[in-house]
């Protein structure tokens, strides 16, 4: 019973904090591996860079079907399609 009281107190504190507008830590979109190859540029629906908190720096590209791809931002595909990707990134 002695361990239940501190546990209940902790739960109570967490509930109070969450109701005061304290938000949980933000989940970052990261990639575990990156590709040098891209996808057909006309199938790209959205694009965004990974967070600076991620181990790998990548461009996350989503196609119109919702599938996500992690692409090396230094790749030839990104350089070749930079203008179109900038338009897509600025529109979302």
N, C-alpha and C. Protein backbone atom coordinates (compact mmCIF):
# COMPACT_ATOMS: atom_id res chain seq x y z
N UNK A 1 0.82 -1.20 0.00
CA UNK A 1 0.00 0.00 0.00
C UNK A 1 0.86 1.26 0.00
N UNK A 2 2.09 1.16 0.59
CA UNK A 2 2.97 2.33 0.63
C UNK A 2 3.42 2.75 -0.75
N UNK A 3 3.52 1.82 -1.70
CA UNK A 3 3.96 2.18 -3.05
C UNK A 3 2.82 2.69 -3.92
N UNK A 4 1.60 2.41 -3.52
CA UNK A 4 0.44 2.85 -4.31
C UNK A 4 0.23 4.36 -4.15
N UNK A 5 0.41 4.89 -2.96
CA UNK A 5 0.17 6.32 -2.70
C UNK A 5 1.09 7.20 -3.54
N UNK A 6 2.40 6.95 -3.59
CA UNK A 6 3.25 7.80 -4.44
C UNK A 6 2.90 7.67 -5.93
N UNK A 7 2.51 6.48 -6.33
CA UNK A 7 2.13 6.28 -7.72
C UNK A 7 0.87 7.08 -8.07
N UNK A 8 -0.09 7.07 -7.17
CA UNK A 8 -1.32 7.85 -7.39
C UNK A 8 -1.02 9.35 -7.39
N UNK A 9 -0.11 9.77 -6.53
CA UNK A 9 0.27 11.18 -6.48
C UNK A 9 0.93 11.59 -7.80
N UNK A 10 1.79 10.74 -8.33
CA UNK A 10 2.45 11.02 -9.60
C UNK A 10 1.43 11.11 -10.73
N UNK A 11 0.50 10.21 -10.77
CA UNK A 11 -0.55 10.24 -11.79
C UNK A 11 -1.36 11.53 -11.68
N UNK A 12 -1.67 11.93 -10.45
CA UNK A 12 -2.42 13.17 -10.24
C UNK A 12 -1.66 14.38 -10.74
N UNK A 13 -0.36 14.42 -10.47
CA UNK A 13 0.47 15.54 -10.93
C UNK A 13 0.51 15.58 -12.45
N UNK A 14 0.65 14.42 -13.07
CA UNK A 14 0.67 14.38 -14.53
C UNK A 14 -0.65 14.85 -15.13
N UNK A 15 -1.74 14.49 -14.51
CA UNK A 15 -3.05 14.94 -15.00
C UNK A 15 -3.21 16.43 -14.86
N UNK A 16 -2.75 16.98 -13.76
CA UNK A 16 -2.84 18.42 -13.53
C UNK A 16 -1.99 19.15 -14.56
N UNK A 17 -0.76 18.68 -14.77
CA UNK A 17 0.13 19.32 -15.75
C UNK A 17 -0.45 19.26 -17.15
N UNK A 18 -1.02 18.14 -17.52
CA UNK A 18 -1.56 18.03 -18.88
C UNK A 18 -2.77 18.93 -19.06
N UNK A 19 -3.51 19.20 -18.02
CA UNK A 19 -4.67 20.08 -18.16
C UNK A 19 -4.27 21.55 -18.12
N UNK A 20 -3.02 21.84 -17.71
CA UNK A 20 -2.54 23.22 -17.69
C UNK A 20 -1.90 23.65 -19.00
N UNK A 21 -2.03 22.84 -20.01
CA UNK A 21 -1.50 23.22 -21.31
C UNK A 21 -0.09 22.73 -21.55
N UNK A 22 0.47 21.93 -20.68
CA UNK A 22 1.80 21.38 -20.92
C UNK A 22 1.64 20.26 -21.95
N UNK A 23 2.34 20.40 -23.05
CA UNK A 23 2.21 19.42 -24.12
C UNK A 23 3.32 18.39 -24.03
N UNK A 24 3.06 17.18 -24.49
CA UNK A 24 4.10 16.16 -24.48
C UNK A 24 5.20 16.51 -25.46
N UNK A 25 6.38 15.93 -25.31
CA UNK A 25 7.47 16.24 -26.24
C UNK A 25 7.07 15.95 -27.67
N UNK A 26 7.52 16.78 -28.59
CA UNK A 26 7.17 16.63 -30.00
C UNK A 26 7.90 15.42 -30.58
N UNK A 27 7.18 14.68 -31.38
CA UNK A 27 7.79 13.54 -32.05
C UNK A 27 8.40 14.05 -33.36
N UNK A 28 9.66 13.75 -33.57
CA UNK A 28 10.35 14.21 -34.77
C UNK A 28 10.26 13.16 -35.86
N UNK A 29 10.14 13.61 -37.09
CA UNK A 29 10.14 12.70 -38.23
C UNK A 29 11.59 12.50 -38.65
N UNK A 30 12.06 11.28 -38.48
CA UNK A 30 13.44 10.94 -38.81
C UNK A 30 13.46 9.74 -39.76
N UNK A 31 14.60 9.53 -40.38
CA UNK A 31 14.80 8.40 -41.28
C UNK A 31 15.87 7.48 -40.72
N UNK A 32 15.67 6.19 -40.87
CA UNK A 32 16.67 5.23 -40.43
C UNK A 32 17.69 4.94 -41.53
N UNK A 33 17.30 5.18 -42.77
CA UNK A 33 18.21 5.04 -43.90
C UNK A 33 17.76 5.97 -45.01
N UNK A 34 18.71 6.34 -45.88
CA UNK A 34 18.38 7.26 -46.96
C UNK A 34 18.80 6.67 -48.30
N UNK A 35 18.14 7.13 -49.34
CA UNK A 35 18.38 6.65 -50.70
C UNK A 35 18.98 7.77 -51.53
N UNK A 36 19.77 7.40 -52.52
CA UNK A 36 20.30 8.36 -53.48
C UNK A 36 19.33 8.58 -54.63
N UNK A 37 18.40 7.64 -54.80
CA UNK A 37 17.45 7.71 -55.91
C UNK A 37 16.14 8.32 -55.44
N UNK A 38 15.53 9.08 -56.30
CA UNK A 38 14.25 9.69 -56.00
C UNK A 38 13.11 8.93 -56.65
N UNK A 39 11.98 9.59 -56.70
CA UNK A 39 10.79 9.04 -57.34
C UNK A 39 10.42 9.98 -58.49
N UNK A 40 9.57 9.56 -59.40
CA UNK A 40 9.15 10.49 -60.46
C UNK A 40 8.60 11.78 -59.85
N UNK A 41 9.15 12.89 -60.27
CA UNK A 41 8.81 14.18 -59.64
C UNK A 41 7.33 14.50 -59.77
N UNK A 42 6.66 14.02 -60.80
CA UNK A 42 5.23 14.31 -60.96
C UNK A 42 4.36 13.50 -60.00
N UNK A 43 4.96 12.58 -59.23
CA UNK A 43 4.19 11.83 -58.23
C UNK A 43 4.39 12.38 -56.82
N UNK A 44 5.22 13.41 -56.66
CA UNK A 44 5.50 13.97 -55.34
C UNK A 44 4.33 14.82 -54.87
N UNK A 45 3.81 14.49 -53.69
CA UNK A 45 2.71 15.26 -53.10
C UNK A 45 3.22 16.24 -52.05
N UNK A 46 4.25 15.85 -51.29
CA UNK A 46 4.80 16.73 -50.27
C UNK A 46 6.26 16.38 -50.02
N UNK A 47 6.97 17.33 -49.43
CA UNK A 47 8.38 17.12 -49.12
C UNK A 47 8.75 17.98 -47.92
N UNK A 48 9.58 17.43 -47.05
CA UNK A 48 10.07 18.19 -45.90
C UNK A 48 11.38 17.59 -45.44
N UNK A 49 12.22 18.44 -44.86
CA UNK A 49 13.49 17.96 -44.32
C UNK A 49 13.27 17.37 -42.94
N UNK A 50 14.12 16.42 -42.59
CA UNK A 50 14.06 15.85 -41.25
C UNK A 50 14.49 16.91 -40.24
N UNK A 51 14.14 16.68 -39.00
CA UNK A 51 14.51 17.58 -37.92
C UNK A 51 16.02 17.57 -37.70
N UNK A 52 16.53 18.66 -37.17
CA UNK A 52 17.95 18.72 -36.82
C UNK A 52 18.28 17.77 -35.68
N UNK A 53 17.26 17.28 -34.99
CA UNK A 53 17.47 16.33 -33.89
C UNK A 53 17.65 14.91 -34.39
N UNK A 54 17.49 14.69 -35.66
CA UNK A 54 17.62 13.34 -36.24
C UNK A 54 19.08 13.02 -36.51
N UNK A 55 19.39 11.74 -36.45
CA UNK A 55 20.75 11.27 -36.70
C UNK A 55 21.13 11.48 -38.17
N UNK A 56 20.21 11.17 -39.08
CA UNK A 56 20.45 11.33 -40.51
C UNK A 56 19.68 12.53 -41.04
N UNK A 57 20.36 13.37 -41.80
CA UNK A 57 19.70 14.51 -42.45
C UNK A 57 19.17 14.00 -43.79
N UNK A 58 17.88 14.14 -44.01
CA UNK A 58 17.27 13.62 -45.23
C UNK A 58 16.10 14.48 -45.66
N UNK A 59 15.68 14.27 -46.88
CA UNK A 59 14.47 14.89 -47.40
C UNK A 59 13.40 13.81 -47.43
N UNK A 60 12.32 14.01 -46.68
CA UNK A 60 11.23 13.04 -46.66
C UNK A 60 10.23 13.46 -47.74
N UNK A 61 10.07 12.61 -48.73
CA UNK A 61 9.20 12.88 -49.87
C UNK A 61 8.02 11.91 -49.80
N UNK A 62 6.82 12.44 -49.91
CA UNK A 62 5.62 11.60 -49.94
C UNK A 62 5.04 11.62 -51.35
N UNK A 63 4.66 10.44 -51.82
CA UNK A 63 4.03 10.42 -53.14
C UNK A 63 2.51 10.60 -52.98
N UNK A 64 1.81 10.65 -54.08
CA UNK A 64 0.36 10.91 -54.05
C UNK A 64 -0.43 9.77 -53.43
N UNK A 65 0.20 8.60 -53.29
CA UNK A 65 -0.46 7.45 -52.64
C UNK A 65 -0.18 7.44 -51.14
N UNK A 66 0.62 8.39 -50.65
CA UNK A 66 0.92 8.49 -49.22
C UNK A 66 2.16 7.76 -48.77
N UNK A 67 2.87 7.13 -49.67
CA UNK A 67 4.10 6.42 -49.30
C UNK A 67 5.23 7.42 -49.12
N UNK A 68 6.06 7.22 -48.09
CA UNK A 68 7.14 8.14 -47.78
C UNK A 68 8.49 7.54 -48.15
N UNK A 69 9.37 8.41 -48.65
CA UNK A 69 10.71 8.01 -49.06
C UNK A 69 11.71 8.97 -48.43
N UNK A 70 12.80 8.45 -47.94
CA UNK A 70 13.87 9.27 -47.37
C UNK A 70 15.00 9.36 -48.40
N UNK A 71 15.27 10.58 -48.84
CA UNK A 71 16.23 10.79 -49.92
C UNK A 71 17.35 11.69 -49.42
N UNK A 72 18.56 11.35 -49.83
CA UNK A 72 19.74 12.14 -49.48
C UNK A 72 19.59 13.54 -50.08
N UNK A 73 19.63 14.58 -49.25
CA UNK A 73 19.46 15.94 -49.78
C UNK A 73 20.60 16.38 -50.70
N UNK A 74 21.72 15.66 -50.68
CA UNK A 74 22.84 15.99 -51.56
C UNK A 74 22.81 15.17 -52.85
N UNK A 75 21.78 14.37 -53.03
CA UNK A 75 21.71 13.49 -54.20
C UNK A 75 21.48 14.28 -55.48
N UNK A 76 21.83 13.66 -56.58
CA UNK A 76 21.62 14.27 -57.89
C UNK A 76 20.12 14.51 -58.14
N UNK A 77 19.26 13.61 -57.67
CA UNK A 77 17.82 13.75 -57.87
C UNK A 77 17.32 15.04 -57.22
N UNK A 78 17.77 15.32 -55.99
CA UNK A 78 17.33 16.54 -55.30
C UNK A 78 17.86 17.77 -56.03
N UNK A 79 19.12 17.75 -56.41
CA UNK A 79 19.69 18.90 -57.13
C UNK A 79 18.96 19.14 -58.45
N UNK A 80 18.66 18.06 -59.17
CA UNK A 80 17.99 18.18 -60.47
C UNK A 80 16.56 18.71 -60.33
N UNK A 81 15.89 18.36 -59.24
CA UNK A 81 14.49 18.75 -59.05
C UNK A 81 14.30 19.83 -57.99
N UNK A 82 15.35 20.54 -57.66
CA UNK A 82 15.33 21.52 -56.58
C UNK A 82 14.23 22.57 -56.75
N UNK A 83 14.06 23.08 -57.94
CA UNK A 83 13.07 24.14 -58.18
C UNK A 83 11.65 23.63 -57.90
N UNK A 84 11.33 22.46 -58.44
CA UNK A 84 9.99 21.87 -58.24
C UNK A 84 9.77 21.52 -56.77
N UNK A 85 10.79 20.95 -56.13
CA UNK A 85 10.67 20.58 -54.71
C UNK A 85 10.46 21.81 -53.84
N UNK A 86 11.13 22.91 -54.16
CA UNK A 86 10.93 24.15 -53.40
C UNK A 86 9.50 24.64 -53.50
N UNK A 87 8.91 24.56 -54.69
CA UNK A 87 7.51 24.96 -54.87
C UNK A 87 6.58 24.08 -54.03
N UNK A 88 6.84 22.76 -54.05
CA UNK A 88 6.02 21.82 -53.29
C UNK A 88 6.14 22.09 -51.80
N UNK A 89 7.36 22.33 -51.33
CA UNK A 89 7.59 22.56 -49.90
C UNK A 89 6.96 23.88 -49.44
N UNK A 90 6.97 24.89 -50.29
CA UNK A 90 6.40 26.18 -49.92
C UNK A 90 4.89 26.21 -49.98
N UNK A 91 4.30 25.27 -50.73
CA UNK A 91 2.84 25.25 -50.86
C UNK A 91 2.16 24.51 -49.71
N UNK A 92 2.91 23.72 -48.96
CA UNK A 92 2.27 22.94 -47.88
C UNK A 92 2.42 23.60 -46.54
